Amino acid sequence: MLPATNRFRRIVDPRVVLRFLFVLLVTVLGACGRPDFEEYRLGTAALGGAYYPLGQGIANLVTQHAPGIAMVPIVTRGAIENPRLVSGGDLELGITNADLAFFGYEGRAPYPGRLEIRAAGALHPSVLHLITSLSTGLESFVDLRGRRIAVGPAGGTTFFLTQMLLAAHGMTLDDVVVSFLSYSDGFSQLSDGNVDAAFALAGYPAAAVLQAGATQDLQFLRIESAVAEAIVTENPYYSIVNVPADVYDTEEDGIAFAVDNILIVNANTDADTVYDIVAAIYDHLPELRRANAVARQIDPTRSTALAVPLHEGARRYFESAESGSPP
């Protein structure tokens, strides 16, 4: 049995403690001289993904630039859980995928009923990486019948999209051999030849894909254009994007599904407060982009075309930004 000190080290990663202390320090410093500040919690995801560092950057901007607010990024189980937490008042804001926000707003599965959420702005897009190695001989999604695929964690968004694509191609989970693995483990298994394809819904370039590409030649699985167009027509929160060949050193550009990540807020939040938060973020995007590479893909103009209605405070901000006039 490990000594108690060693067991503690295994349970509590010192890097996690340091990150927590850093965020706490930023929050305290941001609140100094503002005795009337109110703490707002921003739901992100587990450490190691794109949501948490982006959430740190957003929280820092809000703490610095929104009057009377100190924001703290909170580790959560991610995109599926955050709409529930925001709706229930456990978080004031959260980051999630536009499709999940839409399902929550409409009361569709995986949510049991309508959630009290509204959009506060568009963030970076996540791209559904459907990746295989050239050595497998796979070219199209339909070639996956009978093959082994890594689909991300059980219950995650990548698995949800995998089921949708299987149905669109006349297949079910019984037609493939599924492994539920983290993105890093899934692409490691692809490198080792233990799976034939690995999927990941992530901003690009995705670290797990880059790591796999360092040891083998990769390519995106092709989705037939008619299937892709039908899915996008029926699901307005998805789009088709082109991933340039030089991103992963593939022979050709990749054509992939994308979904915006969005910032959500409780529907009952004060409009002036939401306006101040949104202004603190989008008025200072250059600061966020310098600190976070994923933030360089944020297009604020997409905020007025989301499938989930904007909160009144956010709508006021983006409409005034479009018109170039003060609110």
Protein backbone atom coordinates (compact mmCIF):
# COMPACT_ATOMS: atom_id res chain seq x y z
CA MET A 1 0.00 0.00 0.00
CA LEU A 2 1.32 3.48 -0.86
CA PRO A 3 2.34 5.77 2.01
CA ALA A 4 -0.26 8.41 2.80
CA THR A 5 1.83 11.21 1.30
CA ASN A 6 2.18 9.34 -2.01
CA ARG A 7 -1.53 8.57 -2.11
CA PHE A 8 -2.24 12.25 -1.60
CA ARG A 9 0.05 13.20 -4.48
CA ARG A 10 -1.78 10.79 -6.76
CA ILE A 11 -5.19 12.18 -5.82
CA VAL A 12 -4.28 15.88 -5.84
CA ASP A 13 -2.19 16.91 -8.84
CA PRO A 14 0.05 19.83 -7.75
CA ARG A 15 -0.57 21.46 -11.14
CA VAL A 16 -4.29 21.58 -10.42
CA VAL A 17 -3.61 23.21 -7.05
CA LEU A 18 -1.37 25.82 -8.68
CA ARG A 19 -4.02 26.62 -11.32
CA PHE A 20 -6.64 27.00 -8.62
CA LEU A 21 -4.43 29.32 -6.58
CA PHE A 22 -3.69 31.40 -9.68
CA VAL A 23 -7.39 31.84 -10.48
CA LEU A 24 -8.10 32.67 -6.84
CA LEU A 25 -5.33 35.27 -6.84
CA VAL A 26 -6.63 36.88 -10.04
CA THR A 27 -10.12 37.06 -8.61
CA VAL A 28 -8.98 38.58 -5.31
CA LEU A 29 -6.78 41.13 -7.05
CA GLY A 30 -9.60 42.03 -9.43
CA ALA A 31 -11.90 42.64 -6.50
CA CYS A 32 -9.47 44.82 -4.54
CA GLY A 33 -10.81 48.32 -4.13
CA ARG A 34 -14.31 47.12 -5.09
CA PRO A 35 -15.99 46.13 -1.81
CA ASP A 36 -19.36 45.85 -3.53
CA PHE A 37 -18.30 43.33 -6.18
CA GLU A 38 -20.46 40.28 -6.88
CA GLU A 39 -18.93 36.91 -7.73
CA TYR A 40 -20.12 35.25 -10.93
CA ARG A 41 -19.28 31.63 -11.74
CA LEU A 42 -18.51 30.52 -15.30
CA GLY A 43 -18.92 26.81 -16.04
CA THR A 44 -16.15 25.39 -18.26
CA ALA A 45 -15.13 21.72 -18.38
CA ALA A 46 -12.42 19.40 -17.08
CA LEU A 47 -8.83 20.57 -17.04
CA GLY A 48 -6.92 19.65 -20.20
CA GLY A 49 -9.55 20.68 -22.74
CA ALA A 50 -10.15 23.98 -24.54
CA TYR A 51 -13.01 25.22 -22.34
CA TYR A 52 -11.11 25.77 -19.10
CA PRO A 53 -8.27 27.99 -20.42
CA LEU A 54 -10.77 29.94 -22.53
CA GLY A 55 -12.95 30.33 -19.43
CA GLN A 56 -9.94 31.63 -17.50
CA GLY A 57 -9.36 34.29 -20.14
CA ILE A 58 -13.04 35.29 -20.21
CA ALA A 59 -13.20 35.44 -16.41
CA ASN A 60 -10.12 37.66 -16.28
CA LEU A 61 -11.64 40.11 -18.79
CA VAL A 62 -14.92 40.32 -16.90
CA THR A 63 -13.17 40.79 -13.57
CA GLN A 64 -11.05 43.58 -15.03
CA HIS A 65 -13.62 45.40 -17.15
CA ALA A 66 -17.18 44.70 -15.88
CA PRO A 67 -18.14 47.07 -13.04
CA GLY A 68 -18.95 45.35 -9.78
CA ILE A 69 -18.34 41.77 -11.02
CA ALA A 70 -15.59 39.27 -10.23
CA MET A 71 -15.81 36.11 -12.34
CA VAL A 72 -14.37 32.70 -11.48
CA PRO A 73 -14.02 29.79 -13.96
CA ILE A 74 -15.47 26.57 -12.52
CA VAL A 75 -14.43 23.04 -13.50
CA THR A 76 -17.53 21.04 -14.57
CA ARG A 77 -18.31 17.96 -16.62
CA GLY A 78 -18.54 20.19 -19.66
CA ALA A 79 -20.90 21.10 -22.47
CA ILE A 80 -23.78 18.76 -21.59
CA GLU A 81 -23.86 19.64 -17.90
CA ASN A 82 -23.37 23.42 -18.12
CA PRO A 83 -26.85 24.27 -19.48
CA ARG A 84 -28.43 22.39 -16.55
CA LEU A 85 -26.22 24.17 -14.03
CA VAL A 86 -26.91 27.62 -15.50
CA SER A 87 -30.65 27.00 -15.69
CA GLY A 88 -30.75 25.77 -12.10
CA GLY A 89 -28.80 28.74 -10.74
CA ASP A 90 -25.72 26.73 -9.76
CA LEU A 91 -23.73 28.82 -12.25
CA GLU A 92 -24.37 32.30 -13.58
CA LEU A 93 -22.84 31.57 -17.01
CA GLY A 94 -21.49 28.59 -18.90
CA ILE A 95 -19.77 27.50 -22.08
CA THR A 96 -21.48 24.88 -24.21
CA ASN A 97 -22.11 23.76 -27.78
CA ALA A 98 -24.81 25.57 -29.75
CA ASP A 99 -26.68 22.33 -30.42
CA LEU A 100 -26.86 21.38 -26.73
CA ALA A 101 -27.96 24.91 -25.85
CA PHE A 102 -30.71 24.61 -28.45
CA PHE A 103 -31.83 21.23 -27.08
CA GLY A 104 -31.93 22.68 -23.57
CA TYR A 105 -33.84 25.76 -24.70
CA GLU A 106 -36.37 23.57 -26.56
CA GLY A 107 -36.58 20.93 -23.83
CA ARG A 108 -35.28 18.11 -26.01
CA ALA A 109 -33.09 15.13 -25.04
CA PRO A 110 -30.70 14.88 -23.32
CA TYR A 111 -32.64 17.35 -21.15
CA PRO A 112 -35.92 16.39 -19.46
CA GLY A 113 -37.58 19.77 -20.03
CA ARG A 114 -37.05 23.37 -21.13
CA LEU A 115 -34.11 25.10 -19.49
CA GLU A 116 -34.07 28.75 -18.44
CA ILE A 117 -31.10 29.73 -20.59
CA ARG A 118 -30.30 32.32 -23.26
CA ALA A 119 -27.28 32.94 -25.46
CA ALA A 120 -24.77 35.60 -24.45
CA GLY A 121 -22.48 35.37 -27.49
CA ALA A 122 -20.70 33.14 -30.00
CA LEU A 123 -17.32 31.66 -29.18
CA HIS A 124 -14.97 29.51 -31.28
CA PRO A 125 -16.33 26.68 -33.46
CA SER A 126 -15.70 23.04 -32.61
CA VAL A 127 -15.03 20.76 -35.55
CA LEU A 128 -16.02 17.10 -35.61
CA HIS A 129 -12.72 15.43 -36.45
CA LEU A 130 -13.45 12.11 -38.15
CA ILE A 131 -9.88 10.94 -38.52
CA THR A 132 -8.29 7.77 -39.83
CA SER A 133 -4.81 6.72 -40.86
CA LEU A 134 -3.97 6.33 -44.54
CA SER A 135 -2.80 2.82 -43.71
CA THR A 136 -6.37 1.67 -42.89
CA GLY A 137 -7.61 2.15 -46.45
CA LEU A 138 -10.75 3.88 -45.15
CA GLU A 139 -11.98 6.84 -47.15
CA SER A 140 -15.65 7.47 -46.37
CA PHE A 141 -17.84 7.28 -43.29
CA VAL A 142 -19.72 4.37 -44.86
CA ASP A 143 -16.49 2.37 -44.83
CA LEU A 144 -16.68 2.17 -41.04
CA ARG A 145 -19.12 -0.74 -41.04
CA GLY A 146 -17.54 -3.49 -38.94
CA ARG A 147 -14.60 -1.28 -37.94
CA ARG A 148 -13.27 -0.14 -34.56
CA ILE A 149 -13.78 3.53 -33.68
CA ALA A 150 -12.93 5.69 -30.67
CA VAL A 151 -15.79 8.09 -29.99
CA GLY A 152 -14.69 10.11 -26.97
CA PRO A 153 -16.05 9.71 -23.42
CA ALA A 154 -19.37 7.92 -22.87
CA GLY A 155 -22.25 10.39 -22.93
CA GLY A 156 -20.16 13.12 -24.51
CA THR A 157 -21.08 15.29 -27.47
CA THR A 158 -18.80 13.39 -29.84
CA PHE A 159 -20.66 10.16 -29.11
CA PHE A 160 -24.00 11.93 -29.61
CA LEU A 161 -22.88 13.16 -33.05
CA THR A 162 -21.53 9.71 -33.91
CA GLN A 163 -24.98 8.22 -33.34
CA MET A 164 -26.52 10.90 -35.54
CA LEU A 165 -24.08 10.19 -38.37
CA LEU A 166 -24.56 6.44 -38.11
CA ALA A 167 -28.33 6.89 -38.43
CA ALA A 168 -27.87 9.23 -41.41
CA HIS A 169 -25.87 6.50 -43.14
CA GLY A 170 -28.34 3.73 -42.34
CA MET A 171 -26.25 2.22 -39.55
CA THR A 172 -26.50 1.76 -35.79
CA LEU A 173 -24.01 1.14 -33.00
CA ASP A 174 -24.36 -2.58 -33.74
CA ASP A 175 -22.60 -1.99 -37.07
CA VAL A 176 -19.36 -0.72 -35.50
CA VAL A 177 -17.11 -1.57 -32.58
CA VAL A 178 -17.13 1.44 -30.26
CA SER A 179 -14.48 2.37 -27.70
CA PHE A 180 -15.24 5.12 -25.18
CA LEU A 181 -11.91 6.87 -24.67
CA SER A 182 -10.65 10.36 -23.97
CA TYR A 183 -9.51 12.20 -27.07
CA SER A 184 -5.84 11.73 -26.21
CA ASP A 185 -6.29 8.01 -25.54
CA GLY A 186 -8.45 7.53 -28.64
CA PHE A 187 -5.87 9.04 -30.96
CA SER A 188 -3.08 7.13 -29.21
CA GLN A 189 -5.02 3.95 -29.98
CA LEU A 190 -5.28 5.07 -33.60
CA SER A 191 -1.50 5.52 -33.70
CA ASP A 192 -1.03 2.05 -32.24
CA GLY A 193 -3.45 0.45 -34.71
CA ASN A 194 -5.91 -0.62 -32.01
CA VAL A 195 -8.74 1.38 -33.59
CA ASP A 196 -9.39 2.19 -37.24
CA ALA A 197 -10.69 5.73 -36.70
CA ALA A 198 -10.84 8.26 -33.88
CA PHE A 199 -13.39 11.04 -33.46
CA ALA A 200 -13.15 14.30 -31.53
CA LEU A 201 -15.32 17.41 -31.39
CA ALA A 202 -12.75 20.11 -30.75
CA GLY A 203 -11.37 23.39 -31.96
CA TYR A 204 -8.53 23.03 -34.41
CA PRO A 205 -5.69 22.35 -34.29
CA ALA A 206 -6.53 19.70 -31.69
CA ALA A 207 -3.55 18.52 -29.65
CA ALA A 208 -4.57 14.85 -29.76
CA VAL A 209 -4.79 14.89 -33.56
CA LEU A 210 -1.46 16.69 -33.90
CA GLN A 211 0.17 14.07 -31.69
CA ALA A 212 -1.20 11.22 -33.82
CA GLY A 213 -0.09 13.01 -36.98
CA ALA A 214 3.48 13.12 -35.73
CA THR A 215 3.83 9.37 -36.23
CA GLN A 216 1.56 8.61 -39.21
CA ASP A 217 -0.24 10.09 -42.18
CA LEU A 218 -3.81 11.06 -41.38
CA GLN A 219 -6.91 11.94 -43.36
CA PHE A 220 -10.47 13.06 -42.69
CA LEU A 221 -13.18 10.53 -43.46
CA ARG A 222 -15.40 11.80 -46.24
CA ILE A 223 -19.10 12.42 -45.65
CA GLU A 224 -21.20 12.39 -48.79
CA SER A 225 -22.35 15.90 -49.66
CA ALA A 226 -26.04 14.94 -49.88
CA VAL A 227 -25.92 13.49 -46.36
CA ALA A 228 -24.06 16.52 -44.99
CA GLU A 229 -26.47 18.99 -46.60
CA ALA A 230 -29.50 17.14 -45.26
CA ILE A 231 -28.12 17.16 -41.72
CA VAL A 232 -27.31 20.88 -41.81
CA THR A 233 -30.73 21.71 -43.28
CA GLU A 234 -32.50 19.83 -40.50
CA ASN A 235 -30.15 21.07 -37.76
CA PRO A 236 -29.42 24.81 -38.16
CA TYR A 237 -26.87 24.84 -35.33
CA TYR A 238 -24.45 22.80 -37.48
CA SER A 239 -22.39 24.00 -40.42
CA ILE A 240 -19.85 22.57 -42.84
CA VAL A 241 -16.30 23.89 -42.60
CA ASN A 242 -13.10 23.42 -44.53
CA VAL A 243 -10.04 22.41 -42.48
CA PRO A 244 -6.95 23.41 -44.50
CA ALA A 245 -4.55 20.60 -45.34
CA ASP A 246 -1.65 22.34 -43.61
CA VAL A 247 -3.40 22.16 -40.21
CA TYR A 248 -2.68 18.43 -39.87
CA ASP A 249 -0.41 17.97 -42.90
CA THR A 250 -3.04 15.94 -44.73
CA GLU A 251 -2.97 15.35 -48.48
CA GLU A 252 -6.25 17.23 -48.97
CA ASP A 253 -8.35 19.73 -47.07
CA GLY A 254 -10.78 18.14 -44.64
CA ILE A 255 -14.52 18.77 -44.94
CA ALA A 256 -16.09 18.52 -41.51
CA PHE A 257 -19.14 19.34 -39.42
CA ALA A 258 -18.78 22.27 -37.08
CA VAL A 259 -20.83 23.62 -34.23
CA ASP A 260 -20.33 26.96 -32.52
CA ASN A 261 -19.41 27.02 -28.89
CA ILE A 262 -21.46 29.67 -27.17
CA LEU A 263 -21.65 31.53 -23.90
CA ILE A 264 -24.97 31.02 -22.10
CA VAL A 265 -26.58 32.82 -19.19
CA ASN A 266 -29.65 32.26 -17.04
CA ALA A 267 -32.69 33.76 -18.77
CA ASN A 268 -33.64 35.75 -15.66
CA THR A 269 -30.33 37.58 -15.25
CA ASP A 270 -30.55 41.39 -15.17
CA ALA A 271 -30.16 42.80 -18.70
CA ASP A 272 -27.77 45.58 -17.69
CA THR A 273 -25.52 43.06 -15.94
CA VAL A 274 -25.45 40.81 -19.00
CA TYR A 275 -24.69 43.81 -21.19
CA ASP A 276 -21.71 44.73 -18.98
CA ILE A 277 -20.38 41.16 -19.03
CA VAL A 278 -20.72 40.82 -22.81
CA ALA A 279 -19.12 44.23 -23.38
CA ALA A 280 -16.21 43.29 -21.11
CA ILE A 281 -15.55 40.22 -23.26
CA TYR A 282 -16.18 41.35 -26.82
CA ASP A 283 -14.86 44.90 -26.45
CA HIS A 284 -11.56 43.37 -25.37
CA LEU A 285 -11.25 40.39 -27.73
CA PRO A 286 -7.68 41.36 -28.77
CA GLU A 287 -6.59 40.80 -25.17
CA LEU A 288 -8.27 37.40 -25.11
CA ARG A 289 -6.77 36.41 -28.45
CA ARG A 290 -3.27 37.26 -27.31
CA ALA A 291 -3.67 34.97 -24.32
CA ASN A 292 -5.60 32.11 -25.95
CA ALA A 293 -5.05 30.66 -29.44
CA VAL A 294 -8.58 29.21 -29.69
CA ALA A 295 -10.02 32.69 -29.09
CA ARG A 296 -8.52 33.80 -32.41
CA GLN A 297 -11.31 31.83 -34.11
CA ILE A 298 -14.11 33.76 -32.36
CA ASP A 299 -16.30 35.67 -34.80
CA PRO A 300 -18.59 38.01 -32.81
CA THR A 301 -20.85 38.59 -35.83
CA ARG A 302 -22.10 34.99 -35.53
CA SER A 303 -23.74 35.91 -32.23
CA THR A 304 -26.85 37.32 -33.94
CA ALA A 305 -27.41 34.12 -35.96
CA LEU A 306 -27.45 31.52 -33.18
CA ALA A 307 -30.27 29.01 -32.87
CA VAL A 308 -30.81 30.05 -29.24
CA PRO A 309 -32.20 33.57 -28.66
CA LEU A 310 -29.83 36.14 -27.26
CA HIS A 311 -30.45 37.42 -23.77
CA GLU A 312 -31.86 40.96 -23.87
CA GLY A 313 -28.63 42.44 -22.52
CA ALA A 314 -26.51 40.58 -25.09
CA ARG A 315 -28.91 41.45 -27.91
CA ARG A 316 -28.62 45.12 -27.03
CA TYR A 317 -24.82 44.92 -27.12
CA PHE A 318 -24.53 43.12 -30.46
CA GLU A 319 -27.17 45.24 -32.18
CA SER A 320 -25.39 48.39 -31.11
CA ALA A 321 -22.07 46.90 -32.25
CA GLU A 322 -23.54 46.09 -35.68
CA SER A 323 -24.96 49.57 -36.10
CA GLY A 324 -21.87 51.26 -34.76
CA SER A 325 -23.96 53.35 -32.40
CA PRO A 326 -23.92 53.48 -28.60
CA PRO A 327 -26.57 51.42 -26.74
